[in-house]
Amino acid sequence: MEPNEGKLVAYFVRHGETAGNAKGLFRGALDFPLSEKGHKDAEALKDYFSNIQLGTAYTSDTARAKTTAETVLDPKGMTASESPDLRSWNVGYLAGLPKSEHQKDIDFFQHNENTVVPNGESLHQFRKRVQPRIKNSILKGIQNGIPSITFTHSSVVQEVSHMLHSDHKAHKVKPGGVIGVYHNGNKLTIKTLFKSAKPGKIEQGM
């Protein structure tokens, strides 16, 4: 732990890999299940958290997030509170399309945050939806003295980084990755605990 980093108060976990991740597709509102690799990611996360005390647990209500949450929490006798507010940014018509062929599209909506993606939501709407949930997860960890844990999506993990460091790319993680939010009494900071939950290659971030 870095000097003055403070106490870890919240974990934000990106779900395990899906076929959509592996193929480089926008996922958006599509409910991809975990792939075989994704189940291995979830098992690695279970091992990572096996000896860590967790407080209140939350999860997106998508299959990929819930399966990841259940894999980690079932051995602890815990369940996560589900919320559709923790779903990824709904990128509308882009869902299921290759990112490599539509980067200019998503760049446009990122730079024009009040413009609604056709059949989806604007970046502003997404942030208005997820920010209260992110704040609640952090506050619960501070109040309870035990870190909360939230199972969610890449866009939500990036929004945590945007909220605390004004840079959504500062703490990007791969499927199965984890970031931690720390509180030192004066400010909140983020640490990437591991970027990819590969068995045998997990960096302990406590």
Protein backbone atom coordinates (compact mmCIF):
# COMPACT_ATOMS: atom_id res chain seq x y z
CA MET A 1 0.00 0.00 0.00
CA GLU A 2 1.31 3.45 -0.91
CA PRO A 3 1.86 6.08 1.82
CA ASN A 4 -1.37 7.92 2.73
CA GLU A 5 -3.34 5.62 0.44
CA GLY A 6 -5.71 4.90 3.30
CA LYS A 7 -8.08 2.00 3.82
CA LEU A 8 -9.59 -0.10 1.07
CA VAL A 9 -13.34 0.56 1.16
CA ALA A 10 -14.74 -0.85 -2.10
CA TYR A 11 -13.93 -3.42 -4.76
CA PHE A 12 -15.26 -3.04 -8.31
CA VAL A 13 -15.03 -6.28 -10.26
CA ARG A 14 -15.37 -6.62 -14.01
CA HIS A 15 -17.22 -9.81 -14.95
CA GLY A 16 -15.41 -12.72 -16.59
CA GLU A 17 -14.88 -12.95 -20.33
CA THR A 18 -17.70 -13.50 -22.83
CA ALA A 19 -17.73 -14.34 -26.52
CA GLY A 20 -18.44 -10.67 -27.14
CA ASN A 21 -15.26 -9.67 -25.33
CA ALA A 22 -13.18 -12.26 -27.15
CA LYS A 23 -14.48 -11.11 -30.55
CA GLY A 24 -13.98 -7.42 -29.80
CA LEU A 25 -17.67 -6.54 -30.04
CA PHE A 26 -19.61 -3.78 -28.35
CA ARG A 27 -21.76 -5.52 -25.73
CA GLY A 28 -24.09 -2.78 -24.53
CA ALA A 29 -27.49 -4.18 -23.60
CA LEU A 30 -26.81 -7.63 -25.09
CA ASP A 31 -26.80 -10.23 -22.33
CA PHE A 32 -23.79 -12.36 -23.23
CA PRO A 33 -23.19 -15.30 -20.85
CA LEU A 34 -19.72 -16.14 -19.60
CA SER A 35 -17.57 -18.14 -21.99
CA GLU A 36 -15.41 -21.07 -20.90
CA LYS A 37 -12.59 -18.59 -20.33
CA GLY A 38 -15.04 -16.39 -18.42
CA HIS A 39 -15.86 -19.20 -16.00
CA LYS A 40 -12.12 -19.64 -15.41
CA ASP A 41 -11.88 -15.90 -14.74
CA ALA A 42 -14.66 -16.23 -12.16
CA GLU A 43 -12.94 -19.19 -10.50
CA ALA A 44 -9.71 -17.20 -10.28
CA LEU A 45 -11.63 -14.36 -8.65
CA LYS A 46 -13.12 -16.83 -6.17
CA ASP A 47 -9.59 -17.87 -5.21
CA TYR A 48 -8.47 -14.25 -4.94
CA PHE A 49 -11.28 -13.29 -2.57
CA SER A 50 -11.37 -16.57 -0.62
CA ASN A 51 -9.54 -15.16 2.42
CA ILE A 52 -10.77 -11.58 2.13
CA GLN A 53 -13.60 -10.33 4.31
CA LEU A 54 -16.28 -8.62 2.25
CA GLY A 55 -19.11 -6.36 3.29
CA THR A 56 -22.18 -5.44 1.27
CA ALA A 57 -22.28 -7.00 -2.22
CA TYR A 58 -23.89 -5.64 -5.37
CA THR A 59 -24.15 -6.87 -8.93
CA SER A 60 -25.48 -5.87 -12.31
CA ASP A 61 -28.49 -8.00 -13.21
CA THR A 62 -26.88 -9.33 -16.40
CA ALA A 63 -26.05 -13.03 -16.66
CA ARG A 64 -22.31 -12.44 -16.98
CA ALA A 65 -22.12 -10.27 -13.88
CA LYS A 66 -24.44 -12.43 -11.77
CA THR A 67 -22.58 -15.64 -12.62
CA THR A 68 -19.29 -14.01 -11.68
CA ALA A 69 -20.80 -12.75 -8.41
CA GLU A 70 -22.30 -16.13 -7.53
CA THR A 71 -19.02 -17.91 -8.17
CA VAL A 72 -17.19 -15.58 -5.77
CA LEU A 73 -19.88 -15.18 -3.11
CA ASP A 74 -21.54 -18.63 -2.85
CA PRO A 75 -18.59 -20.19 -0.97
CA LYS A 76 -18.88 -17.33 1.54
CA GLY A 77 -22.61 -17.83 2.02
CA MET A 78 -23.22 -14.35 0.60
CA THR A 79 -25.58 -13.02 -2.05
CA ALA A 80 -25.36 -9.80 -4.02
CA SER A 81 -28.12 -7.26 -4.38
CA GLU A 82 -29.01 -6.99 -8.09
CA SER A 83 -29.55 -3.71 -9.89
CA PRO A 84 -30.17 -2.87 -13.55
CA ASP A 85 -28.53 0.50 -12.80
CA LEU A 86 -25.17 -1.32 -12.76
CA ARG A 87 -25.51 -2.47 -16.37
CA SER A 88 -22.97 -1.29 -18.93
CA TRP A 89 -23.47 1.80 -21.08
CA ASN A 90 -26.32 1.02 -23.48
CA VAL A 91 -24.69 1.81 -26.81
CA GLY A 92 -27.85 1.02 -28.76
CA TYR A 93 -27.32 0.15 -32.41
CA LEU A 94 -23.60 -0.49 -31.82
CA ALA A 95 -24.23 -3.56 -29.64
CA GLY A 96 -22.91 -6.67 -31.34
CA LEU A 97 -20.83 -4.72 -33.87
CA PRO A 98 -17.01 -4.87 -34.06
CA LYS A 99 -15.30 -2.11 -32.11
CA SER A 100 -12.51 -1.92 -34.67
CA GLU A 101 -14.95 -0.90 -37.39
CA HIS A 102 -16.96 1.61 -35.36
CA GLN A 103 -14.42 3.44 -33.22
CA LYS A 104 -15.36 6.78 -34.76
CA ASP A 105 -18.99 6.19 -33.80
CA ILE A 106 -18.26 5.62 -30.12
CA ASP A 107 -15.74 8.48 -30.09
CA PHE A 108 -18.48 10.80 -31.31
CA PHE A 109 -20.88 9.82 -28.51
CA GLN A 110 -18.10 10.07 -25.92
CA HIS A 111 -17.25 13.59 -27.04
CA ASN A 112 -20.93 14.59 -27.27
CA GLU A 113 -22.13 13.19 -23.98
CA ASN A 114 -25.67 14.56 -24.23
CA THR A 115 -26.33 12.95 -27.62
CA VAL A 116 -28.39 9.79 -27.26
CA VAL A 117 -27.07 6.72 -29.06
CA PRO A 118 -29.94 5.54 -31.31
CA ASN A 119 -31.81 2.76 -29.49
CA GLY A 120 -29.61 3.34 -26.44
CA GLU A 121 -28.68 6.13 -24.04
CA SER A 122 -26.36 9.09 -23.97
CA LEU A 123 -23.13 9.05 -21.98
CA HIS A 124 -24.71 11.64 -19.66
CA GLN A 125 -27.70 9.36 -19.05
CA PHE A 126 -25.39 6.44 -18.34
CA ARG A 127 -23.41 8.47 -15.83
CA LYS A 128 -26.56 9.74 -14.14
CA ARG A 129 -27.68 6.11 -13.79
CA VAL A 130 -24.49 4.54 -12.45
CA GLN A 131 -22.90 7.30 -10.36
CA PRO A 132 -25.35 7.01 -7.42
CA ARG A 133 -24.68 3.25 -7.31
CA ILE A 134 -20.93 3.78 -7.35
CA LYS A 135 -21.18 6.37 -4.58
CA ASN A 136 -23.39 4.07 -2.52
CA SER A 137 -20.93 1.17 -2.80
CA ILE A 138 -18.07 3.37 -1.63
CA LEU A 139 -20.11 4.91 1.20
CA LYS A 140 -21.18 1.48 2.47
CA GLY A 141 -17.57 0.41 2.69
CA ILE A 142 -16.64 3.53 4.62
CA GLN A 143 -19.60 3.26 7.00
CA ASN A 144 -19.26 -0.49 7.67
CA GLY A 145 -15.50 -0.59 7.95
CA ILE A 146 -15.48 -3.60 5.61
CA PRO A 147 -15.00 -3.15 1.85
CA SER A 148 -18.09 -3.53 -0.31
CA ILE A 149 -17.88 -5.44 -3.57
CA THR A 150 -19.63 -4.62 -6.84
CA PHE A 151 -19.73 -6.94 -9.87
CA THR A 152 -20.25 -4.97 -13.03
CA HIS A 153 -18.95 -4.04 -16.50
CA SER A 154 -16.00 -2.28 -18.11
CA SER A 155 -17.87 0.98 -18.70
CA VAL A 156 -18.88 1.14 -15.03
CA VAL A 157 -15.33 0.40 -13.84
CA GLN A 158 -14.14 3.17 -16.17
CA GLU A 159 -16.76 5.50 -14.72
CA VAL A 160 -15.31 4.94 -11.23
CA SER A 161 -11.98 6.10 -12.65
CA HIS A 162 -13.65 9.08 -14.35
CA MET A 163 -15.38 10.13 -11.12
CA LEU A 164 -12.30 9.95 -8.91
CA HIS A 165 -9.46 10.76 -11.31
CA SER A 166 -11.22 12.58 -14.20
CA ASP A 167 -9.82 9.97 -16.58
CA HIS A 168 -11.91 6.95 -17.55
CA LYS A 169 -8.84 5.23 -19.02
CA ALA A 170 -6.65 5.52 -15.92
CA HIS A 171 -7.70 2.19 -14.42
CA LYS A 172 -8.96 -0.04 -17.22
CA VAL A 173 -8.98 -3.77 -16.51
CA LYS A 174 -9.58 -6.84 -18.62
CA PRO A 175 -12.51 -9.22 -17.99
CA GLY A 176 -12.08 -10.69 -14.53
CA GLY A 177 -10.05 -7.68 -13.34
CA VAL A 178 -10.50 -5.70 -10.15
CA ILE A 179 -9.94 -2.16 -8.95
CA GLY A 180 -10.01 -1.04 -5.34
CA VAL A 181 -11.11 2.33 -3.95
CA TYR A 182 -9.19 3.62 -0.94
CA HIS A 183 -10.18 6.29 1.58
CA ASN A 184 -7.63 8.10 3.73
CA GLY A 185 -10.10 10.36 5.51
CA ASN A 186 -9.61 13.24 3.11
CA LYS A 187 -9.83 11.82 -0.37
CA LEU A 188 -10.58 8.74 -2.44
CA THR A 189 -8.05 7.06 -4.70
CA ILE A 190 -8.05 4.00 -6.95
CA LYS A 191 -5.60 1.16 -7.27
CA THR A 192 -5.70 -1.52 -9.95
CA LEU A 193 -5.47 -4.75 -7.99
CA PHE A 194 -5.09 -6.91 -11.06
CA LYS A 195 -5.91 -6.38 -14.71
CA SER A 196 -6.64 -9.97 -15.66
CA ALA A 197 -7.66 -12.78 -13.38
CA LYS A 198 -5.50 -15.53 -14.83
CA PRO A 199 -4.90 -18.46 -12.47
CA GLY A 200 -1.39 -18.31 -11.10
CA LYS A 201 -0.86 -14.73 -12.27
CA ILE A 202 -2.95 -12.75 -9.83
CA GLU A 203 -1.26 -9.75 -8.27
CA GLN A 204 -2.32 -9.40 -4.67
CA GLY A 205 -3.30 -5.78 -4.15
CA MET A 206 -3.98 -5.55 -0.46
